[in-house]
C-alpha atoms as a PDB file:
ATOM      1  CA  MET A   1       0.000   0.000   0.000  1.00  0.00           C
ATOM      2  CA  PRO A   2       1.493   3.404  -0.967  1.00  0.00           C
ATOM      3  CA  PRO A   3       2.192   5.879   1.837  1.00  0.00           C
ATOM      4  CA  ARG A   4      -0.620   8.308   2.573  1.00  0.00           C
ATOM      5  CA  ARG A   5      -0.010  11.992   2.033  1.00  0.00           C
ATOM      6  CA  ALA A   6      -0.950  14.566   4.594  1.00  0.00           C
ATOM      7  CA  PRO A   7      -4.134  16.443   3.685  1.00  0.00           C
ATOM      8  CA  GLN A   8      -3.366  19.481   1.579  1.00  0.00           C
ATOM      9  CA  ALA A   9      -5.279  22.711   1.188  1.00  0.00           C
ATOM     10  CA  ALA A  10      -7.612  22.409  -1.791  1.00  0.00           C
ATOM     11  CA  ILE A  11      -7.878  26.136  -2.493  1.00  0.00           C
ATOM     12  CA  ALA A  12      -6.221  29.379  -1.502  1.00  0.00           C
ATOM     13  CA  ALA A  13      -7.003  33.061  -1.716  1.00  0.00           C
ATOM     14  CA  ALA A  14      -4.155  35.149  -3.074  1.00  0.00           C
ATOM     15  CA  SER A  15      -3.348  38.659  -1.894  1.00  0.00           C
ATOM     16  CA  ASP A  16      -4.597  40.037  -5.216  1.00  0.00           C
ATOM     17  CA  GLY A  17      -8.051  38.554  -4.546  1.00  0.00           C
ATOM     18  CA  SER A  18      -7.753  35.647  -6.952  1.00  0.00           C
ATOM     19  CA  VAL A  19      -8.740  32.130  -5.928  1.00  0.00           C
ATOM     20  CA  LEU A  20      -6.254  29.338  -6.618  1.00  0.00           C
ATOM     21  CA  LEU A  21      -7.049  25.654  -7.001  1.00  0.00           C
ATOM     22  CA  ASN A  22      -4.423  23.168  -5.781  1.00  0.00           C
ATOM     23  CA  VAL A  23      -3.515  20.719  -8.540  1.00  0.00           C
ATOM     24  CA  ALA A  24      -0.690  19.014  -6.618  1.00  0.00           C
ATOM     25  CA  GLU A  25      -2.860  15.907  -6.180  1.00  0.00           C
ATOM     26  CA  LEU A  26      -2.679  15.377  -9.930  1.00  0.00           C
ATOM     27  CA  LEU A  27       1.030  14.564  -9.608  1.00  0.00           C
ATOM     28  CA  SER A  28       2.213  10.993  -9.257  1.00  0.00           C
ATOM     29  CA  GLU A  29       3.679   9.894  -5.929  1.00  0.00           C
ATOM     30  CA  THR A  30       7.132   9.867  -7.565  1.00  0.00           C
ATOM     31  CA  GLN A  31       6.750  13.460  -8.761  1.00  0.00           C
ATOM     32  CA  HIS A  32       5.427  14.481  -5.360  1.00  0.00           C
ATOM     33  CA  ALA A  33       8.376  12.839  -3.585  1.00  0.00           C
ATOM     34  CA  ARG A  34      10.857  14.518  -5.917  1.00  0.00           C
ATOM     35  CA  LEU A  35       9.301  17.951  -5.352  1.00  0.00           C
ATOM     36  CA  ARG A  36       9.157  17.450  -1.566  1.00  0.00           C
ATOM     37  CA  LYS A  37      12.842  16.546  -1.567  1.00  0.00           C
ATOM     38  CA  GLN A  38      13.894  19.425  -3.831  1.00  0.00           C
ATOM     39  CA  LEU A  39      11.809  21.997  -1.992  1.00  0.00           C
ATOM     40  CA  GLY A  40      12.524  20.618   1.480  1.00  0.00           C
ATOM     41  CA  SER A  41       8.846  20.651   2.396  1.00  0.00           C
ATOM     42  CA  ALA A  42       6.276  17.960   3.066  1.00  0.00           C
ATOM     43  CA  SER A  43       3.469  20.280   2.015  1.00  0.00           C
ATOM     44  CA  ILE A  44       3.193  21.296  -1.621  1.00  0.00           C
ATOM     45  CA  PHE A  45       0.630  23.645  -3.134  1.00  0.00           C
ATOM     46  CA  ILE A  46       0.576  24.075  -6.891  1.00  0.00           C
ATOM     47  CA  GLY A  47      -2.068  26.686  -7.529  1.00  0.00           C
ATOM     48  CA  ILE A  48      -3.796  27.594 -10.735  1.00  0.00           C
ATOM     49  CA  PRO A  49      -5.968  30.717 -10.752  1.00  0.00           C
ATOM     50  CA  LEU A  50      -9.680  30.291 -11.358  1.00  0.00           C
ATOM     51  CA  ASN A  51     -11.702  32.577 -13.567  1.00  0.00           C
ATOM     52  CA  GLU A  52     -14.331  34.754 -11.848  1.00  0.00           C
ATOM     53  CA  LYS A  53     -17.227  32.394 -12.580  1.00  0.00           C
ATOM     54  CA  ASP A  54     -15.441  29.314 -11.196  1.00  0.00           C
ATOM     55  CA  ALA A  55     -14.119  31.237  -8.187  1.00  0.00           C
ATOM     56  CA  ALA A  56     -17.637  32.478  -7.394  1.00  0.00           C
ATOM     57  CA  GLU A  57     -18.963  28.898  -7.609  1.00  0.00           C
ATOM     58  CA  ILE A  58     -16.238  27.619  -5.275  1.00  0.00           C
ATOM     59  CA  ILE A  59     -16.938  30.389  -2.756  1.00  0.00           C
ATOM     60  CA  GLU A  60     -20.697  29.729  -2.924  1.00  0.00           C
ATOM     61  CA  ARG A  61     -20.151  26.005  -2.316  1.00  0.00           C
ATOM     62  CA  LEU A  62     -17.788  26.715   0.592  1.00  0.00           C
ATOM     63  CA  ASP A  63     -20.312  29.104   2.099  1.00  0.00           C
ATOM     64  CA  GLY A  64     -23.016  26.433   1.855  1.00  0.00           C
ATOM     65  CA  ALA A  65     -20.733  23.789   3.364  1.00  0.00           C
ATOM     66  CA  ALA A  66     -19.770  26.098   6.230  1.00  0.00           C
ATOM     67  CA  ALA A  67     -23.431  26.894   6.933  1.00  0.00           C
ATOM     68  CA  GLU A  68     -24.283  23.183   6.944  1.00  0.00           C
ATOM     69  CA  ALA A  69     -21.377  22.347   9.266  1.00  0.00           C
ATOM     70  CA  SER A  70     -22.345  25.176  11.638  1.00  0.00           C
ATOM     71  CA  ALA A  71     -25.980  24.084  11.704  1.00  0.00           C
ATOM     72  CA  HIS A  72     -24.939  20.494  12.400  1.00  0.00           C
ATOM     73  CA  LEU A  73     -22.672  21.545  15.267  1.00  0.00           C
ATOM     74  CA  LEU A  74     -25.157  23.977  16.784  1.00  0.00           C
ATOM     75  CA  GLY A  75     -28.031  21.536  16.361  1.00  0.00           C
ATOM     76  CA  GLY A  76     -26.094  18.896  18.269  1.00  0.00           C
ATOM     77  CA  ARG A  77     -25.339  21.347  21.055  1.00  0.00           C
ATOM     78  CA  ALA A  78     -28.961  22.456  21.236  1.00  0.00           C
ATOM     79  CA  ASN A  79     -30.054  18.830  21.611  1.00  0.00           C
ATOM     80  CA  LYS A  80     -27.533  18.283  24.408  1.00  0.00           C
ATOM     81  CA  LEU A  81     -28.695  21.445  26.195  1.00  0.00           C
ATOM     82  CA  ARG A  82     -32.328  20.314  25.929  1.00  0.00           C
ATOM     83  CA  GLN A  83     -31.429  16.918  27.390  1.00  0.00           C
ATOM     84  CA  VAL A  84     -29.493  18.493  30.281  1.00  0.00           C
ATOM     85  CA  SER A  85     -32.211  21.046  31.058  1.00  0.00           C
ATOM     86  CA  SER A  86     -34.957  18.406  30.960  1.00  0.00           C
ATOM     87  CA  LYS A  87     -33.028  16.301  33.468  1.00  0.00           C
ATOM     88  CA  ARG A  88     -32.626  19.289  35.792  1.00  0.00           C
ATOM     89  CA  ALA A  89     -36.200  20.526  35.517  1.00  0.00           C
ATOM     90  CA  PRO A  90     -38.390  19.724  38.533  1.00  0.00           C
ATOM     91  CA  LYS A  91     -40.848  16.956  37.871  1.00  0.00           C
ATOM     92  CA  ARG A  92     -44.508  17.883  37.749  1.00  0.00           C
ATOM     93  CA  ARG A  93     -46.928  16.019  39.989  1.00  0.00           C
END
């Protein structure tokens, strides 16, 4: 089984406002190993700039994913709080 790579950033925002897509995962393991050795880094980001339409789509999808993750986390906490408060509430007779 080939060695697993550490997770890499999929996208990046550049200082000029452009959005870059990481294409390093398209490299073979041999190419990746050679670059890591030459650059002296385990993490490699090879970014290609996206056009405005594609960048807007990526940002929209990220926004949706972040909203979903937040709702999932907050929903779980709300359920836990309800369970705790129902256990503490005085019982009605």
